[in-house]
Amino acid sequence: MDKKFDTSNPVLLETIEMLQEQDAPVWSSVAENLGKVNRRRAEVNLSDIERVAEDGETIVVPGKVLGSGYLNKEVNVAAFKASNSAKNQISEEGEFMFIQDLVEENPEGENVRVVK
């Protein structure tokens, strides 16, 4: 791992390390944001995703997705964490996945938008 992060969460460290091993700049950016202290990590509401996303888009949240608001678009959302209500709403139209799963599926980071 290139940088030492102040976290004892082994899953978070593993995710950051995996992202840093990728060549795509988008994954380096996501790793940097995940490495922030917890209170500075992104928390994005569904209403935020609804406002910025286009149908069919893949959104990455380098933090947690919260269930406040509505999501009426068909989008795929990847995040480190999500509330149950956020996961349920995302799954009604699109797909929720964890960041590691998206990286395995799309190591080049093509057609991915980071929302923070």
N, C-alpha and C. Protein backbone atom coordinates (compact mmCIF):
# COMPACT_ATOMS: atom_id res chain seq x y z
N MET A 1 0.84 -1.17 0.00
CA MET A 1 0.00 0.00 0.00
C MET A 1 0.89 1.24 0.00
N ASP A 2 0.55 2.23 -0.84
CA ASP A 2 1.38 3.42 -0.99
C ASP A 2 1.36 4.33 0.22
N LYS A 3 0.25 4.40 0.92
CA LYS A 3 0.07 5.38 1.97
C LYS A 3 -0.53 4.69 3.19
N LYS A 4 -0.14 5.12 4.37
CA LYS A 4 -0.68 4.55 5.60
C LYS A 4 -1.98 5.28 5.95
N PHE A 5 -3.03 4.50 6.25
CA PHE A 5 -4.32 5.09 6.57
C PHE A 5 -4.66 4.80 8.01
N ASP A 6 -5.30 5.75 8.64
CA ASP A 6 -5.65 5.65 10.05
C ASP A 6 -7.00 4.95 10.19
N THR A 7 -7.00 3.64 10.04
CA THR A 7 -8.22 2.87 10.22
C THR A 7 -7.85 1.47 10.69
N SER A 8 -8.72 0.93 11.48
CA SER A 8 -8.49 -0.45 11.92
C SER A 8 -9.45 -1.40 11.21
N ASN A 9 -10.23 -0.88 10.28
CA ASN A 9 -11.18 -1.69 9.54
C ASN A 9 -10.44 -2.48 8.45
N PRO A 10 -10.30 -3.79 8.62
CA PRO A 10 -9.55 -4.57 7.64
C PRO A 10 -10.19 -4.59 6.25
N VAL A 11 -11.51 -4.53 6.18
CA VAL A 11 -12.19 -4.52 4.88
C VAL A 11 -11.90 -3.21 4.15
N LEU A 12 -11.91 -2.12 4.88
CA LEU A 12 -11.59 -0.82 4.28
C LEU A 12 -10.16 -0.80 3.78
N LEU A 13 -9.22 -1.29 4.58
CA LEU A 13 -7.82 -1.33 4.16
C LEU A 13 -7.64 -2.20 2.92
N GLU A 14 -8.33 -3.33 2.90
CA GLU A 14 -8.25 -4.24 1.75
C GLU A 14 -8.82 -3.57 0.49
N THR A 15 -9.91 -2.84 0.66
CA THR A 15 -10.52 -2.14 -0.48
C THR A 15 -9.59 -1.07 -1.01
N ILE A 16 -9.01 -0.27 -0.12
CA ILE A 16 -8.08 0.79 -0.54
C ILE A 16 -6.88 0.18 -1.25
N GLU A 17 -6.34 -0.87 -0.70
CA GLU A 17 -5.19 -1.53 -1.32
C GLU A 17 -5.54 -2.04 -2.73
N MET A 18 -6.70 -2.65 -2.86
CA MET A 18 -7.13 -3.16 -4.16
C MET A 18 -7.26 -2.02 -5.18
N LEU A 19 -7.84 -0.90 -4.74
CA LEU A 19 -8.01 0.25 -5.62
C LEU A 19 -6.66 0.81 -6.06
N GLN A 20 -5.71 0.86 -5.14
CA GLN A 20 -4.39 1.41 -5.46
C GLN A 20 -3.61 0.53 -6.44
N GLU A 21 -3.95 -0.74 -6.50
CA GLU A 21 -3.28 -1.65 -7.42
C GLU A 21 -3.77 -1.51 -8.86
N GLN A 22 -4.86 -0.80 -9.05
CA GLN A 22 -5.43 -0.63 -10.39
C GLN A 22 -4.71 0.49 -11.12
N ASP A 23 -4.70 0.42 -12.44
CA ASP A 23 -4.04 1.44 -13.25
C ASP A 23 -4.94 2.64 -13.55
N ALA A 24 -6.24 2.46 -13.44
CA ALA A 24 -7.18 3.53 -13.82
C ALA A 24 -7.16 4.66 -12.79
N PRO A 25 -7.03 5.90 -13.24
CA PRO A 25 -7.01 7.05 -12.33
C PRO A 25 -8.26 7.17 -11.46
N VAL A 26 -9.41 6.74 -11.97
CA VAL A 26 -10.64 6.86 -11.19
C VAL A 26 -10.53 6.05 -9.89
N TRP A 27 -9.89 4.90 -9.94
CA TRP A 27 -9.78 4.07 -8.74
C TRP A 27 -8.81 4.67 -7.74
N SER A 28 -7.78 5.37 -8.21
CA SER A 28 -6.86 6.07 -7.30
C SER A 28 -7.60 7.17 -6.54
N SER A 29 -8.46 7.88 -7.26
CA SER A 29 -9.26 8.93 -6.63
C SER A 29 -10.20 8.37 -5.57
N VAL A 30 -10.84 7.24 -5.88
CA VAL A 30 -11.75 6.60 -4.93
C VAL A 30 -10.97 6.13 -3.71
N ALA A 31 -9.78 5.56 -3.91
CA ALA A 31 -8.94 5.10 -2.80
C ALA A 31 -8.56 6.26 -1.88
N GLU A 32 -8.20 7.39 -2.49
CA GLU A 32 -7.83 8.57 -1.71
C GLU A 32 -9.00 9.05 -0.84
N ASN A 33 -10.19 9.06 -1.41
CA ASN A 33 -11.36 9.50 -0.66
C ASN A 33 -11.74 8.51 0.44
N LEU A 34 -11.60 7.22 0.18
CA LEU A 34 -11.88 6.22 1.20
C LEU A 34 -10.88 6.28 2.34
N GLY A 35 -9.67 6.76 2.06
CA GLY A 35 -8.63 6.85 3.07
C GLY A 35 -8.78 8.00 4.03
N LYS A 36 -9.73 8.87 3.78
CA LYS A 36 -9.97 10.00 4.69
C LYS A 36 -10.54 9.49 6.01
N VAL A 37 -10.36 10.29 7.05
CA VAL A 37 -10.95 9.91 8.33
C VAL A 37 -12.46 9.80 8.16
N ASN A 38 -13.07 8.97 8.96
CA ASN A 38 -14.48 8.62 8.80
C ASN A 38 -15.39 9.83 8.67
N ARG A 39 -15.18 10.85 9.47
CA ARG A 39 -16.09 12.01 9.43
C ARG A 39 -15.93 12.84 8.16
N ARG A 40 -14.86 12.61 7.41
CA ARG A 40 -14.64 13.34 6.15
C ARG A 40 -14.95 12.49 4.92
N ARG A 41 -15.32 11.24 5.15
CA ARG A 41 -15.65 10.34 4.05
C ARG A 41 -17.03 10.70 3.52
N ALA A 42 -17.24 10.49 2.25
CA ALA A 42 -18.49 10.86 1.60
C ALA A 42 -19.70 10.14 2.19
N GLU A 43 -20.77 10.88 2.39
CA GLU A 43 -22.09 10.34 2.70
C GLU A 43 -23.04 10.99 1.70
N VAL A 44 -23.59 10.17 0.83
CA VAL A 44 -24.39 10.67 -0.29
C VAL A 44 -25.81 10.12 -0.16
N ASN A 45 -26.78 11.02 -0.23
CA ASN A 45 -28.18 10.61 -0.19
C ASN A 45 -28.65 10.19 -1.58
N LEU A 46 -29.71 9.38 -1.60
CA LEU A 46 -30.29 8.98 -2.89
C LEU A 46 -30.73 10.19 -3.69
N SER A 47 -31.21 11.22 -3.00
CA SER A 47 -31.64 12.44 -3.70
C SER A 47 -30.48 13.09 -4.45
N ASP A 48 -29.26 12.99 -3.90
CA ASP A 48 -28.07 13.53 -4.58
C ASP A 48 -27.79 12.74 -5.86
N ILE A 49 -27.90 11.42 -5.75
CA ILE A 49 -27.67 10.57 -6.93
C ILE A 49 -28.74 10.84 -7.99
N GLU A 50 -29.98 10.97 -7.56
CA GLU A 50 -31.09 11.27 -8.47
C GLU A 50 -30.82 12.56 -9.23
N ARG A 51 -30.28 13.55 -8.55
CA ARG A 51 -30.05 14.87 -9.14
C ARG A 51 -28.94 14.84 -10.20
N VAL A 52 -27.88 14.05 -9.99
CA VAL A 52 -26.73 14.13 -10.90
C VAL A 52 -26.61 12.98 -11.90
N ALA A 53 -27.26 11.87 -11.63
CA ALA A 53 -27.08 10.68 -12.48
C ALA A 53 -28.00 10.68 -13.68
N GLU A 54 -27.53 10.02 -14.72
CA GLU A 54 -28.34 9.78 -15.92
C GLU A 54 -28.75 8.32 -15.92
N ASP A 55 -29.89 8.00 -16.55
CA ASP A 55 -30.31 6.61 -16.66
C ASP A 55 -29.19 5.77 -17.28
N GLY A 56 -28.96 4.60 -16.73
CA GLY A 56 -27.97 3.68 -17.25
C GLY A 56 -26.55 3.93 -16.77
N GLU A 57 -26.35 4.96 -15.98
CA GLU A 57 -25.02 5.32 -15.52
C GLU A 57 -24.58 4.47 -14.33
N THR A 58 -23.26 4.36 -14.15
CA THR A 58 -22.70 3.69 -12.98
C THR A 58 -22.08 4.76 -12.10
N ILE A 59 -22.55 4.81 -10.85
CA ILE A 59 -22.12 5.80 -9.87
C ILE A 59 -21.28 5.10 -8.82
N VAL A 60 -20.17 5.72 -8.41
CA VAL A 60 -19.35 5.21 -7.32
C VAL A 60 -19.35 6.24 -6.20
N VAL A 61 -19.68 5.80 -5.00
CA VAL A 61 -19.65 6.66 -3.83
C VAL A 61 -18.51 6.17 -2.94
N PRO A 62 -17.46 6.98 -2.78
CA PRO A 62 -16.34 6.57 -1.93
C PRO A 62 -16.66 6.80 -0.46
N GLY A 63 -17.65 6.09 0.00
CA GLY A 63 -18.14 6.23 1.37
C GLY A 63 -19.44 5.48 1.51
N LYS A 64 -20.46 6.18 2.04
CA LYS A 64 -21.74 5.53 2.35
C LYS A 64 -22.89 6.19 1.59
N VAL A 65 -23.81 5.34 1.10
CA VAL A 65 -25.03 5.83 0.47
C VAL A 65 -26.14 5.76 1.51
N LEU A 66 -26.85 6.87 1.68
CA LEU A 66 -27.95 6.96 2.64
C LEU A 66 -29.28 6.97 1.90
N GLY A 67 -30.32 6.53 2.57
CA GLY A 67 -31.61 6.35 1.92
C GLY A 67 -32.52 7.56 1.87
N SER A 68 -32.03 8.73 2.17
CA SER A 68 -32.87 9.92 2.16
C SER A 68 -33.15 10.35 0.72
N GLY A 69 -34.42 10.53 0.41
CA GLY A 69 -34.82 10.93 -0.93
C GLY A 69 -35.28 9.73 -1.74
N TYR A 70 -35.47 9.98 -3.02
CA TYR A 70 -35.96 8.94 -3.92
C TYR A 70 -35.03 8.80 -5.10
N LEU A 71 -34.95 7.60 -5.62
CA LEU A 71 -34.17 7.32 -6.80
C LEU A 71 -35.09 6.69 -7.82
N ASN A 72 -35.41 7.44 -8.88
CA ASN A 72 -36.33 6.98 -9.90
C ASN A 72 -35.64 6.69 -11.22
N LYS A 73 -34.32 6.65 -11.20
CA LYS A 73 -33.56 6.39 -12.42
C LYS A 73 -32.95 5.00 -12.34
N GLU A 74 -32.72 4.43 -13.50
CA GLU A 74 -32.07 3.13 -13.58
C GLU A 74 -30.57 3.34 -13.57
N VAL A 75 -29.98 3.29 -12.37
CA VAL A 75 -28.54 3.48 -12.22
C VAL A 75 -27.97 2.34 -11.40
N ASN A 76 -26.71 2.06 -11.64
CA ASN A 76 -25.97 1.11 -10.83
C ASN A 76 -25.12 1.93 -9.87
N VAL A 77 -25.14 1.55 -8.62
CA VAL A 77 -24.42 2.30 -7.59
C VAL A 77 -23.48 1.37 -6.86
N ALA A 78 -22.22 1.78 -6.76
CA ALA A 78 -21.23 1.05 -5.99
C ALA A 78 -20.77 1.95 -4.85
N ALA A 79 -20.63 1.38 -3.67
CA ALA A 79 -20.18 2.15 -2.51
C ALA A 79 -19.49 1.23 -1.53
N PHE A 80 -18.79 1.83 -0.57
CA PHE A 80 -18.17 1.03 0.47
C PHE A 80 -19.23 0.53 1.44
N LYS A 81 -20.24 1.38 1.72
CA LYS A 81 -21.34 1.03 2.61
C LYS A 81 -22.63 1.64 2.07
N ALA A 82 -23.76 1.10 2.53
CA ALA A 82 -25.06 1.69 2.20
C ALA A 82 -26.06 1.27 3.26
N SER A 83 -26.99 2.16 3.53
CA SER A 83 -28.08 1.80 4.45
C SER A 83 -28.97 0.79 3.75
N ASN A 84 -29.72 0.03 4.52
CA ASN A 84 -30.63 -0.96 3.93
C ASN A 84 -31.67 -0.30 3.04
N SER A 85 -32.19 0.85 3.48
CA SER A 85 -33.20 1.52 2.65
C SER A 85 -32.61 1.99 1.33
N ALA A 86 -31.36 2.45 1.34
CA ALA A 86 -30.71 2.87 0.09
C ALA A 86 -30.52 1.66 -0.83
N LYS A 87 -30.03 0.55 -0.29
CA LYS A 87 -29.84 -0.66 -1.10
C LYS A 87 -31.15 -1.09 -1.73
N ASN A 88 -32.23 -1.07 -0.95
CA ASN A 88 -33.54 -1.51 -1.46
C ASN A 88 -34.02 -0.61 -2.59
N GLN A 89 -33.91 0.71 -2.41
CA GLN A 89 -34.37 1.63 -3.46
C GLN A 89 -33.53 1.51 -4.72
N ILE A 90 -32.23 1.38 -4.57
CA ILE A 90 -31.36 1.25 -5.74
C ILE A 90 -31.72 -0.02 -6.50
N SER A 91 -31.96 -1.10 -5.77
CA SER A 91 -32.25 -2.40 -6.39
C SER A 91 -33.59 -2.44 -7.12
N GLU A 92 -34.49 -1.49 -6.82
CA GLU A 92 -35.78 -1.46 -7.51
C GLU A 92 -35.61 -1.11 -8.99
N GLU A 93 -34.67 -0.25 -9.32
CA GLU A 93 -34.47 0.19 -10.70
C GLU A 93 -33.14 -0.28 -11.29
N GLY A 94 -32.12 -0.35 -10.44
CA GLY A 94 -30.78 -0.68 -10.93
C GLY A 94 -30.16 -1.76 -10.07
N GLU A 95 -28.87 -1.58 -9.77
CA GLU A 95 -28.15 -2.58 -9.00
C GLU A 95 -27.23 -1.89 -8.00
N PHE A 96 -27.21 -2.39 -6.77
CA PHE A 96 -26.24 -1.94 -5.78
C PHE A 96 -25.14 -2.98 -5.70
N MET A 97 -23.89 -2.50 -5.62
CA MET A 97 -22.77 -3.41 -5.41
C MET A 97 -21.72 -2.70 -4.57
N PHE A 98 -20.85 -3.48 -3.99
CA PHE A 98 -19.74 -2.91 -3.25
C PHE A 98 -18.64 -2.54 -4.22
N ILE A 99 -17.81 -1.57 -3.83
CA ILE A 99 -16.76 -1.06 -4.71
C ILE A 99 -15.86 -2.18 -5.21
N GLN A 100 -15.47 -3.09 -4.34
CA GLN A 100 -14.58 -4.18 -4.77
C GLN A 100 -15.19 -4.99 -5.91
N ASP A 101 -16.51 -5.22 -5.84
CA ASP A 101 -17.17 -5.98 -6.91
C ASP A 101 -17.14 -5.22 -8.24
N LEU A 102 -17.34 -3.91 -8.17
CA LEU A 102 -17.30 -3.11 -9.40
C LEU A 102 -15.90 -3.11 -10.00
N VAL A 103 -14.87 -3.01 -9.16
CA VAL A 103 -13.50 -3.01 -9.66
C VAL A 103 -13.19 -4.33 -10.35
N GLU A 104 -13.64 -5.43 -9.77
CA GLU A 104 -13.42 -6.73 -10.40
C GLU A 104 -14.12 -6.81 -11.75
N GLU A 105 -15.30 -6.20 -11.83
CA GLU A 105 -16.10 -6.21 -13.05
C GLU A 105 -15.57 -5.21 -14.09
N ASN A 106 -15.01 -4.10 -13.62
CA ASN A 106 -14.61 -3.00 -14.49
C ASN A 106 -13.27 -2.43 -14.02
N PRO A 107 -12.16 -3.18 -14.15
CA PRO A 107 -10.87 -2.70 -13.65
C PRO A 107 -10.36 -1.44 -14.35
N GLU A 108 -10.83 -1.19 -15.55
CA GLU A 108 -10.41 0.01 -16.28
C GLU A 108 -11.15 1.26 -15.80
N GLY A 109 -12.22 1.08 -15.04
CA GLY A 109 -12.99 2.21 -14.53
C GLY A 109 -13.70 2.99 -15.61
N GLU A 110 -14.07 2.31 -16.69
CA GLU A 110 -14.71 3.00 -17.81
C GLU A 110 -16.17 3.32 -17.49
N ASN A 111 -16.60 4.51 -17.92
CA ASN A 111 -17.99 4.95 -17.79
C ASN A 111 -18.47 4.89 -16.34
N VAL A 112 -17.62 5.38 -15.43
CA VAL A 112 -17.94 5.42 -14.02
C VAL A 112 -17.87 6.87 -13.57
N ARG A 113 -18.87 7.31 -12.81
CA ARG A 113 -18.87 8.67 -12.27
C ARG A 113 -18.77 8.59 -10.76
N VAL A 114 -17.83 9.35 -10.19
CA VAL A 114 -17.67 9.41 -8.74
C VAL A 114 -18.55 10.53 -8.21
N VAL A 115 -19.34 10.21 -7.20
CA VAL A 115 -20.20 11.20 -6.55
C VAL A 115 -19.82 11.22 -5.08
N LYS A 116 -19.48 12.42 -4.58
CA LYS A 116 -19.08 12.55 -3.18
C LYS A 116 -19.63 13.80 -2.58
